[in-house]
Amino acid sequence: MPLDPELLKILACPVCKTPVEFRPAESVLACAKCRRRYAVKDDIPNMLPEEAALPPEG
C-alpha cells in the first residue's frame, strides 16, 4: 500500500519545516531545502532527524 496522498500533503521536514517529496524509487521522503532524506520502510516514514540521511559535504 503506497503512502496516503493526504498524509503527504501535511508532512514536512522536522528540521527546516519545508514540505517533503516522496521518491518511491528510492523509498525516501526528500527535503528540497536542507536535502535530508527520510527513509520509508513498509510504507511508514521515519521522520526522526537523527536517523535522516544527510547530504554529502561539499
Protein backbone atom coordinates (compact mmCIF):
# COMPACT_ATOMS: atom_id res chain seq x y z
CA MET A 1 0.00 0.00 0.00
CA PRO A 2 1.57 3.34 -1.06
CA LEU A 3 1.78 6.37 1.19
CA ASP A 4 -1.54 8.11 1.67
CA PRO A 5 -1.70 11.25 -0.54
CA GLU A 6 -3.43 13.13 2.29
CA LEU A 7 -0.53 12.30 4.59
CA LEU A 8 1.97 13.54 2.01
CA LYS A 9 0.17 16.89 1.89
CA ILE A 10 0.88 17.56 5.57
CA LEU A 11 4.33 16.02 6.05
CA ALA A 12 7.20 18.47 6.47
CA CYS A 13 10.87 18.17 7.31
CA PRO A 14 11.15 18.27 11.11
CA VAL A 15 14.41 20.22 10.84
CA CYS A 16 13.56 23.09 8.48
CA LYS A 17 9.74 22.71 8.23
CA THR A 18 9.79 22.50 4.41
CA PRO A 19 7.32 20.12 2.70
CA VAL A 20 8.92 16.83 1.68
CA GLU A 21 8.64 14.98 -1.62
CA PHE A 22 8.09 11.22 -1.78
CA ARG A 23 10.53 9.44 -4.07
CA PRO A 24 9.15 5.91 -4.43
CA ALA A 25 12.07 4.59 -6.47
CA GLU A 26 14.39 5.38 -3.54
CA SER A 27 11.82 4.79 -0.77
CA VAL A 28 12.58 8.16 0.80
CA LEU A 29 10.95 11.45 1.64
CA ALA A 30 13.31 14.17 0.42
CA CYS A 31 13.57 17.74 1.64
CA ALA A 32 14.47 20.24 -1.09
CA LYS A 33 15.72 22.88 1.35
CA CYS A 34 18.10 21.04 3.71
CA ARG A 35 18.42 17.97 1.42
CA ARG A 36 17.85 15.44 4.20
CA ARG A 37 16.30 12.12 3.18
CA TYR A 38 13.95 10.27 5.47
CA ALA A 39 13.58 6.53 4.91
CA VAL A 40 10.20 4.96 4.16
CA LYS A 41 10.01 1.30 5.17
CA ASP A 42 6.86 -0.78 4.77
CA ASP A 43 5.04 2.45 3.81
CA ILE A 44 5.91 4.04 7.17
CA PRO A 45 8.02 7.21 7.03
CA ASN A 46 10.79 7.56 9.60
CA MET A 47 10.91 11.31 10.22
CA LEU A 48 13.46 11.24 13.05
CA PRO A 49 16.13 13.88 12.27
CA GLU A 50 18.90 11.84 13.88
CA GLU A 51 18.18 8.94 11.50
CA ALA A 52 17.89 11.02 8.33
CA ALA A 53 20.49 10.66 5.59
CA LEU A 54 22.42 13.89 5.42
CA PRO A 55 23.56 15.45 2.15
CA PRO A 56 27.18 14.81 1.22
CA GLU A 57 29.65 17.52 2.23
CA GLY A 58 30.90 19.84 -0.45
